[in-house]
N, C-alpha and C. Protein backbone atom coordinates (compact mmCIF):
# COMPACT_ATOMS: atom_id res chain seq x y z
N MET A 1 226.57 160.78 -37.51
CA MET A 1 226.60 159.59 -38.48
C MET A 1 225.95 158.44 -37.90
N GLN A 2 226.01 158.13 -36.70
CA GLN A 2 225.51 156.93 -36.07
C GLN A 2 223.98 157.17 -35.94
N LEU A 3 223.51 158.43 -35.73
CA LEU A 3 222.26 158.76 -35.52
C LEU A 3 221.51 158.60 -37.01
N GLU A 4 222.21 159.10 -38.02
CA GLU A 4 221.76 158.95 -39.36
C GLU A 4 221.46 157.46 -39.82
N LEU A 5 222.51 156.59 -39.29
CA LEU A 5 222.37 155.27 -39.73
C LEU A 5 221.27 154.54 -38.97
N LEU A 6 220.96 154.99 -37.62
CA LEU A 6 219.86 154.51 -36.86
C LEU A 6 218.60 154.81 -37.58
N HIS A 7 218.30 156.02 -38.00
CA HIS A 7 217.27 156.57 -38.76
C HIS A 7 216.86 155.67 -39.97
N GLN A 8 217.96 155.52 -40.66
CA GLN A 8 217.92 154.74 -41.93
C GLN A 8 217.47 153.36 -41.65
N ASP A 9 218.04 152.56 -40.60
CA ASP A 9 217.72 151.31 -40.22
C ASP A 9 216.17 151.26 -39.82
N ARG A 10 215.68 152.24 -39.03
CA ARG A 10 214.32 152.32 -38.60
C ARG A 10 213.49 152.42 -39.95
N ALA A 11 213.81 153.42 -40.82
CA ALA A 11 213.08 153.55 -42.09
C ALA A 11 213.01 152.30 -42.90
N GLU A 12 214.01 151.58 -43.04
CA GLU A 12 214.14 150.26 -43.74
C GLU A 12 213.11 149.32 -43.04
N GLU A 13 213.23 149.13 -41.76
CA GLU A 13 212.54 148.22 -40.91
C GLU A 13 210.98 148.62 -41.20
N GLU A 14 210.58 149.87 -41.16
CA GLU A 14 209.24 150.23 -41.31
C GLU A 14 208.69 149.90 -42.67
N LYS A 15 209.61 150.15 -43.68
CA LYS A 15 209.26 149.75 -45.04
C LYS A 15 208.92 148.29 -45.19
N ARG A 16 209.86 147.43 -44.60
CA ARG A 16 209.60 145.88 -44.58
C ARG A 16 208.34 145.57 -43.93
N ARG A 17 208.05 146.18 -42.86
CA ARG A 17 206.67 145.85 -42.12
C ARG A 17 205.55 146.30 -42.91
N LEU A 18 205.57 147.50 -43.64
CA LEU A 18 204.44 147.81 -44.49
C LEU A 18 204.37 146.96 -45.65
N ASP A 19 205.57 146.49 -46.35
CA ASP A 19 205.44 145.68 -47.35
C ASP A 19 204.73 144.27 -47.05
N LEU A 20 205.18 143.84 -45.66
CA LEU A 20 204.52 142.54 -45.27
C LEU A 20 203.13 142.58 -45.03
N LEU A 21 202.60 143.86 -44.39
CA LEU A 21 201.20 144.04 -44.16
C LEU A 21 200.45 144.18 -45.45
N ALA A 22 201.06 144.75 -46.57
CA ALA A 22 200.36 144.89 -47.77
C ALA A 22 200.26 143.59 -48.44
N ALA A 23 201.33 142.58 -48.29
CA ALA A 23 201.24 141.34 -48.80
C ALA A 23 200.23 140.53 -48.15
N ILE A 24 200.01 140.62 -46.86
CA ILE A 24 199.04 139.88 -46.05
C ILE A 24 197.63 140.27 -46.59
N ALA A 25 197.44 141.64 -46.59
CA ALA A 25 196.10 142.19 -46.99
C ALA A 25 195.73 141.63 -48.43
N LYS A 26 196.74 141.72 -49.36
CA LYS A 26 196.47 141.26 -50.65
C LYS A 26 196.15 139.70 -50.77
N ARG A 27 196.78 139.02 -50.05
CA ARG A 27 196.36 137.64 -49.92
C ARG A 27 194.95 137.29 -49.43
N LYS A 28 194.61 138.17 -48.42
CA LYS A 28 193.33 138.04 -47.91
C LYS A 28 192.13 138.40 -48.84
N GLU A 29 192.47 139.24 -49.88
CA GLU A 29 191.43 139.61 -50.89
C GLU A 29 191.25 138.59 -51.92
N LEU A 30 192.20 137.56 -52.12
CA LEU A 30 192.05 136.57 -52.96
C LEU A 30 190.89 135.55 -52.62
N PRO A 31 190.17 135.18 -53.64
CA PRO A 31 189.03 134.13 -53.31
C PRO A 31 189.65 132.87 -52.74
N MET A 32 188.97 132.18 -51.91
CA MET A 32 189.45 131.01 -51.37
C MET A 32 190.07 130.04 -52.40
N LEU A 33 189.43 129.83 -53.48
CA LEU A 33 189.95 128.92 -54.44
C LEU A 33 191.35 129.21 -54.87
N ASP A 34 191.80 130.54 -54.96
CA ASP A 34 193.07 130.90 -55.30
C ASP A 34 194.18 130.70 -54.27
N ARG A 35 193.78 130.41 -53.14
CA ARG A 35 194.66 129.90 -52.06
C ARG A 35 194.89 128.45 -51.82
N ARG A 36 194.09 127.57 -52.73
CA ARG A 36 194.30 126.27 -52.47
C ARG A 36 195.63 125.76 -52.91
N GLN A 37 196.21 124.65 -52.54
CA GLN A 37 197.43 124.09 -52.93
C GLN A 37 197.29 123.31 -54.10
N ALA A 38 196.17 122.96 -54.55
CA ALA A 38 195.98 122.15 -55.71
C ALA A 38 194.78 122.40 -56.44
N GLN A 39 194.80 122.27 -57.83
CA GLN A 39 193.62 122.63 -58.55
C GLN A 39 192.41 121.50 -58.23
N ARG A 40 191.20 122.06 -58.22
CA ARG A 40 190.05 121.29 -57.87
C ARG A 40 189.25 121.34 -59.30
N VAL A 41 188.71 120.16 -59.66
CA VAL A 41 187.98 120.02 -60.88
C VAL A 41 186.55 119.72 -60.51
N PRO A 42 185.53 120.41 -61.29
CA PRO A 42 184.14 119.94 -61.01
C PRO A 42 183.87 118.75 -61.65
N LEU A 43 183.03 118.01 -60.88
CA LEU A 43 182.73 116.56 -61.40
C LEU A 43 181.61 116.13 -60.54
N GLN A 44 180.81 115.14 -60.93
CA GLN A 44 179.78 114.55 -60.10
C GLN A 44 179.91 113.05 -60.17
N VAL A 45 180.48 112.60 -59.04
CA VAL A 45 180.58 111.13 -58.79
C VAL A 45 180.01 110.76 -57.45
N HIS A 46 179.57 109.53 -57.37
CA HIS A 46 178.76 108.92 -56.16
C HIS A 46 179.78 108.77 -55.10
N VAL A 47 179.52 108.98 -53.88
CA VAL A 47 180.37 108.78 -52.74
C VAL A 47 179.51 108.18 -51.62
N LEU A 48 180.04 107.09 -50.87
CA LEU A 48 179.61 106.58 -49.77
C LEU A 48 180.48 107.02 -48.63
N TYR A 49 179.99 107.43 -47.30
CA TYR A 49 180.95 107.60 -46.39
C TYR A 49 180.36 107.05 -45.09
N THR A 50 181.19 106.69 -44.13
CA THR A 50 180.87 105.97 -42.79
C THR A 50 181.83 106.53 -41.95
N SER A 51 181.31 106.49 -40.64
CA SER A 51 182.26 106.86 -39.38
C SER A 51 181.71 106.12 -38.27
N ASP A 52 182.54 105.63 -37.33
CA ASP A 52 182.13 105.19 -36.13
C ASP A 52 182.85 105.88 -34.92
N GLN A 53 183.17 106.99 -35.31
CA GLN A 53 183.76 107.92 -34.32
C GLN A 53 182.92 108.42 -33.16
N ASP A 54 181.67 108.51 -33.44
CA ASP A 54 180.71 109.07 -32.48
C ASP A 54 180.17 107.90 -31.77
N GLU A 55 179.35 108.25 -30.65
CA GLU A 55 178.65 107.06 -30.05
C GLU A 55 177.78 106.35 -30.90
N VAL A 56 177.10 106.95 -31.88
CA VAL A 56 176.29 106.34 -32.93
C VAL A 56 177.02 106.33 -34.15
N PRO A 57 177.38 105.17 -34.63
CA PRO A 57 177.97 105.00 -35.98
C PRO A 57 176.98 105.43 -37.09
N TYR A 58 177.39 106.07 -38.16
CA TYR A 58 176.45 106.56 -39.24
C TYR A 58 177.17 106.20 -40.65
N ASP A 59 176.07 106.11 -41.55
CA ASP A 59 176.57 105.95 -42.87
C ASP A 59 175.81 106.95 -43.68
N GLY A 60 176.55 107.51 -44.82
CA GLY A 60 175.77 108.54 -45.63
C GLY A 60 176.17 108.24 -47.02
N GLU A 61 175.51 108.98 -47.81
CA GLU A 61 175.90 108.90 -49.26
C GLU A 61 175.68 110.34 -49.78
N GLY A 62 176.38 110.53 -50.85
CA GLY A 62 176.12 111.80 -51.52
C GLY A 62 176.93 111.90 -52.92
N ARG A 63 177.17 113.16 -53.36
CA ARG A 63 177.78 113.52 -54.71
C ARG A 63 179.00 114.36 -54.43
N VAL A 64 180.03 113.89 -55.09
CA VAL A 64 181.32 114.66 -54.96
C VAL A 64 181.15 115.88 -55.88
N GLN A 65 181.28 117.17 -55.54
CA GLN A 65 181.07 118.32 -56.31
C GLN A 65 182.32 118.70 -56.94
N ASN A 66 183.41 118.62 -56.42
CA ASN A 66 184.80 118.75 -56.98
C ASN A 66 185.81 117.95 -56.34
N LEU A 67 186.88 117.77 -57.01
CA LEU A 67 187.90 116.93 -56.43
C LEU A 67 189.29 117.51 -56.85
N SER A 68 190.22 117.24 -55.85
CA SER A 68 191.68 117.58 -55.98
C SER A 68 192.35 116.45 -55.50
N LYS A 69 193.81 116.48 -55.67
CA LYS A 69 194.51 115.31 -55.01
C LYS A 69 194.61 115.40 -53.53
N ARG A 70 194.12 116.61 -52.86
CA ARG A 70 194.27 116.78 -51.46
C ARG A 70 192.73 116.58 -50.82
N GLY A 71 191.65 116.62 -51.49
CA GLY A 71 190.47 116.66 -50.96
C GLY A 71 189.30 116.71 -51.86
N CYS A 72 188.06 116.78 -51.33
CA CYS A 72 186.90 117.10 -52.23
C CYS A 72 185.91 117.73 -51.50
N GLN A 73 184.89 118.26 -52.22
CA GLN A 73 183.59 118.76 -51.58
C GLN A 73 182.63 117.79 -51.85
N ILE A 74 181.60 117.67 -50.88
CA ILE A 74 180.67 116.58 -50.97
C ILE A 74 179.18 117.18 -50.59
N VAL A 75 178.25 116.91 -51.33
CA VAL A 75 176.77 117.26 -50.99
C VAL A 75 176.33 115.98 -50.45
N GLY A 76 175.94 115.87 -49.22
CA GLY A 76 175.59 114.43 -48.60
C GLY A 76 174.28 114.38 -47.89
N SER A 77 173.95 113.11 -47.61
CA SER A 77 172.61 112.90 -46.77
C SER A 77 172.80 112.91 -45.34
N VAL A 78 173.99 112.86 -44.82
CA VAL A 78 174.17 113.02 -43.35
C VAL A 78 174.98 114.18 -42.95
N ARG A 79 174.51 115.06 -42.04
CA ARG A 79 175.35 116.21 -41.74
C ARG A 79 176.46 115.71 -40.74
N LEU A 80 177.66 116.18 -40.93
CA LEU A 80 178.87 115.93 -40.35
C LEU A 80 179.40 117.10 -39.48
N ALA A 81 180.22 116.87 -38.43
CA ALA A 81 180.77 117.79 -37.64
C ALA A 81 182.13 118.07 -38.18
N GLN A 82 182.48 119.36 -38.13
CA GLN A 82 183.75 119.81 -38.58
C GLN A 82 184.86 119.06 -37.61
N GLY A 83 185.86 118.47 -38.12
CA GLY A 83 186.89 117.78 -37.42
C GLY A 83 186.72 116.26 -37.34
N SER A 84 185.43 115.74 -37.69
CA SER A 84 185.31 114.45 -37.61
C SER A 84 185.91 113.71 -38.71
N GLN A 85 186.17 112.35 -38.56
CA GLN A 85 186.95 111.47 -39.48
C GLN A 85 185.97 110.62 -40.10
N VAL A 86 185.97 110.41 -41.42
CA VAL A 86 185.04 109.46 -42.11
C VAL A 86 185.96 108.69 -43.08
N THR A 87 185.47 107.60 -43.44
CA THR A 87 185.94 106.64 -44.49
C THR A 87 185.09 106.97 -45.70
N LEU A 88 185.79 107.34 -46.77
CA LEU A 88 185.09 107.59 -47.98
C LEU A 88 185.20 106.40 -49.08
N PHE A 89 184.33 106.09 -49.74
CA PHE A 89 184.33 105.19 -51.00
C PHE A 89 183.72 106.05 -52.21
N LEU A 90 184.85 106.36 -52.99
CA LEU A 90 184.51 107.26 -54.12
C LEU A 90 184.43 106.35 -55.32
N ASP A 91 183.21 106.39 -55.99
CA ASP A 91 183.10 105.66 -57.21
C ASP A 91 183.55 106.67 -58.39
N LEU A 92 184.73 106.45 -58.86
CA LEU A 92 185.45 107.27 -59.76
C LEU A 92 185.11 107.08 -61.17
N ASN A 93 184.14 106.10 -61.45
CA ASN A 93 183.74 105.80 -62.81
C ASN A 93 184.92 105.56 -63.74
N ASP A 94 185.78 104.82 -63.22
CA ASP A 94 187.16 104.47 -63.91
C ASP A 94 187.10 103.05 -64.16
N GLY A 95 186.16 102.24 -64.06
CA GLY A 95 186.22 100.86 -64.32
C GLY A 95 186.62 100.06 -63.12
N GLN A 96 187.11 100.70 -62.08
CA GLN A 96 187.48 99.76 -60.90
C GLN A 96 186.60 99.92 -59.71
N LEU A 97 186.88 99.16 -58.71
CA LEU A 97 185.97 99.32 -57.36
C LEU A 97 186.07 100.71 -56.97
N PRO A 98 185.20 101.12 -56.20
CA PRO A 98 185.23 102.53 -55.34
C PRO A 98 186.72 102.70 -54.62
N LEU A 99 187.23 103.72 -54.76
CA LEU A 99 188.35 104.11 -54.00
C LEU A 99 188.14 104.36 -52.59
N CYS A 100 188.73 103.47 -51.72
CA CYS A 100 188.55 103.59 -50.19
C CYS A 100 189.56 104.53 -49.62
N LEU A 101 189.13 105.56 -48.95
CA LEU A 101 190.01 106.58 -48.24
C LEU A 101 189.71 106.65 -46.86
N PRO A 102 190.32 106.01 -45.94
CA PRO A 102 189.98 105.98 -44.49
C PRO A 102 190.55 107.18 -43.92
N ALA A 103 190.00 107.63 -42.78
CA ALA A 103 190.51 108.66 -42.05
C ALA A 103 190.60 110.06 -42.71
N ALA A 104 189.59 110.40 -43.57
CA ALA A 104 189.46 111.64 -44.22
C ALA A 104 188.95 112.59 -43.14
N THR A 105 189.39 113.90 -43.10
CA THR A 105 189.09 114.74 -41.99
C THR A 105 188.18 115.80 -42.68
N VAL A 106 186.90 115.96 -41.98
CA VAL A 106 185.96 117.03 -42.42
C VAL A 106 186.47 118.42 -42.01
N CYS A 107 186.76 119.27 -43.05
CA CYS A 107 187.52 120.62 -42.86
C CYS A 107 186.34 121.67 -42.51
N TRP A 108 185.19 121.49 -43.23
CA TRP A 108 184.14 122.41 -42.87
C TRP A 108 182.76 121.99 -43.35
N THR A 109 181.77 122.43 -42.74
CA THR A 109 180.38 122.08 -43.22
C THR A 109 179.52 123.26 -43.34
N VAL A 110 178.51 123.22 -44.20
CA VAL A 110 177.57 124.22 -44.50
C VAL A 110 176.29 123.48 -44.82
N GLY A 111 175.28 123.33 -44.14
CA GLY A 111 174.08 122.59 -44.37
C GLY A 111 174.39 121.20 -44.79
N ASP A 112 174.02 120.80 -46.04
CA ASP A 112 174.24 119.46 -46.37
C ASP A 112 175.64 119.34 -47.22
N ARG A 113 176.49 120.47 -47.28
CA ARG A 113 177.58 120.43 -47.94
C ARG A 113 178.92 120.40 -46.99
N PHE A 114 179.91 119.57 -47.35
CA PHE A 114 181.05 119.58 -46.52
C PHE A 114 182.28 119.29 -47.37
N SER A 115 183.49 119.73 -46.78
CA SER A 115 184.80 119.47 -47.51
C SER A 115 185.63 118.51 -46.49
N VAL A 116 186.28 117.62 -47.32
CA VAL A 116 187.16 116.68 -46.62
C VAL A 116 188.66 116.78 -47.11
N LYS A 117 189.49 116.64 -46.26
CA LYS A 117 190.87 116.56 -46.56
C LYS A 117 191.24 115.10 -46.61
N PHE A 118 191.93 114.58 -47.67
CA PHE A 118 192.32 113.12 -47.64
C PHE A 118 193.49 112.89 -46.72
N PRO A 119 193.60 111.79 -46.17
CA PRO A 119 194.81 111.35 -45.37
C PRO A 119 195.86 111.08 -46.41
N PRO A 120 197.01 110.80 -45.89
CA PRO A 120 198.11 110.36 -46.76
C PRO A 120 197.66 108.96 -47.54
N ILE A 121 198.00 109.19 -48.79
CA ILE A 121 197.32 108.00 -49.69
C ILE A 121 198.44 107.31 -50.33
N THR A 122 198.27 106.05 -50.88
CA THR A 122 199.25 105.22 -51.44
C THR A 122 199.49 105.82 -52.93
N ASP A 123 200.56 105.58 -53.56
CA ASP A 123 200.97 105.90 -54.98
C ASP A 123 199.69 105.40 -55.75
N GLU A 124 199.14 104.24 -55.70
CA GLU A 124 198.15 103.77 -56.45
C GLU A 124 196.77 104.59 -56.46
N ALA A 125 196.42 105.02 -55.15
CA ALA A 125 195.33 105.79 -55.02
C ALA A 125 195.52 107.11 -55.53
N ARG A 126 196.68 107.66 -55.35
CA ARG A 126 197.02 109.03 -55.89
C ARG A 126 196.94 109.07 -57.42
N TYR A 127 197.57 107.93 -58.06
CA TYR A 127 197.47 107.91 -59.51
C TYR A 127 196.00 107.90 -60.07
N ARG A 128 195.10 107.08 -59.33
CA ARG A 128 193.65 107.07 -59.77
C ARG A 128 193.21 108.52 -59.63
N LEU A 129 193.43 109.13 -58.49
CA LEU A 129 192.90 110.52 -58.37
C LEU A 129 193.36 111.50 -59.41
N GLN A 130 194.75 111.31 -59.80
CA GLN A 130 195.38 112.11 -60.74
C GLN A 130 194.70 111.94 -62.10
N GLN A 131 194.38 110.74 -62.48
CA GLN A 131 193.70 110.37 -63.71
C GLN A 131 192.33 111.01 -63.87
N VAL A 132 191.62 110.90 -62.86
CA VAL A 132 190.20 111.54 -62.80
C VAL A 132 190.32 113.02 -62.83
N VAL A 133 191.28 113.70 -62.10
CA VAL A 133 191.41 115.08 -62.24
C VAL A 133 191.84 115.43 -63.52
N LEU A 134 192.77 114.87 -64.13
CA LEU A 134 193.36 115.28 -65.43
C LEU A 134 192.28 115.01 -66.54
N LYS A 135 191.38 113.90 -66.32
CA LYS A 135 190.30 113.79 -67.27
C LYS A 135 189.38 114.98 -67.36
N PHE A 136 189.14 115.52 -66.22
CA PHE A 136 188.04 116.53 -66.02
C PHE A 136 188.68 117.95 -66.11
N ALA A 137 189.89 118.11 -65.93
CA ALA A 137 190.59 119.47 -66.03
C ALA A 137 190.60 119.97 -67.46
N THR A 138 190.29 121.13 -67.56
CA THR A 138 190.36 121.96 -68.92
C THR A 138 191.27 123.10 -68.83
N GLN A 139 191.88 123.69 -70.06
CA GLN A 139 192.59 124.70 -69.94
C GLN A 139 192.00 125.96 -69.26
N ARG A 140 190.65 126.10 -69.45
CA ARG A 140 189.99 127.35 -68.91
C ARG A 140 190.19 127.25 -67.34
N GLU A 141 190.21 126.17 -66.71
CA GLU A 141 190.23 125.99 -65.23
C GLU A 141 191.67 126.22 -64.71
N MET A 142 192.69 126.02 -65.56
CA MET A 142 193.98 126.19 -65.15
C MET A 142 194.29 127.63 -64.94
N SER A 143 195.12 127.98 -63.95
CA SER A 143 195.32 129.25 -63.51
C SER A 143 196.88 129.43 -63.03
N ARG A 144 197.34 130.56 -63.03
CA ARG A 144 198.83 130.67 -62.51
C ARG A 144 198.66 130.65 -60.93
N THR A 145 197.47 130.70 -60.32
CA THR A 145 197.49 130.92 -58.88
C THR A 145 197.22 129.41 -58.29
N HIS A 146 197.20 128.40 -59.13
CA HIS A 146 196.94 127.04 -58.58
C HIS A 146 198.13 126.26 -58.99
N THR A 147 198.47 125.28 -58.01
CA THR A 147 199.55 124.42 -58.27
C THR A 147 199.14 123.27 -59.26
N ALA A 148 199.88 122.88 -60.10
CA ALA A 148 199.51 121.86 -61.12
C ALA A 148 199.22 120.45 -60.40
N PHE A 149 198.52 119.74 -60.94
CA PHE A 149 198.11 118.50 -60.28
C PHE A 149 199.21 117.50 -60.64
N ARG A 150 199.95 116.93 -59.88
CA ARG A 150 200.94 115.99 -60.24
C ARG A 150 201.33 115.13 -59.10
N LEU A 151 202.03 114.12 -59.39
CA LEU A 151 202.37 113.12 -58.43
C LEU A 151 203.66 113.60 -57.65
N ARG A 152 203.54 113.74 -56.38
CA ARG A 152 204.53 114.40 -55.60
C ARG A 152 205.25 115.39 -56.14
């Protein structure tokens, strides 16, 4: 009887392990966009960025390619290193001064493209970002695999 229970426990443990491996494999098959925690919307807005982290401070400018409440992708004039921190000035075309986001972190770079993760931001800044994302979001871009864009 005990031997039978031991075999049953091992079989259940093996099934859980295989289910977990299958879930991990399935997640790896999903495109990167489907693993994001917030929806990104395509848009074209001007951005200035600056950093004084390196020995030589630099200033660059570019175009935001897509935006979410957590970050954005930029095509820029100055190549940046992954992990560097920049101050962004986003011209959101919302009738206000450019939104200043200090200490944004560069997540990845490929050629003249890079992605940044925004630092913790104020409620006012979050609201401005939300308004821009909602303005450019369409039903077609919504999916069940993305978290809706919302305040907290």
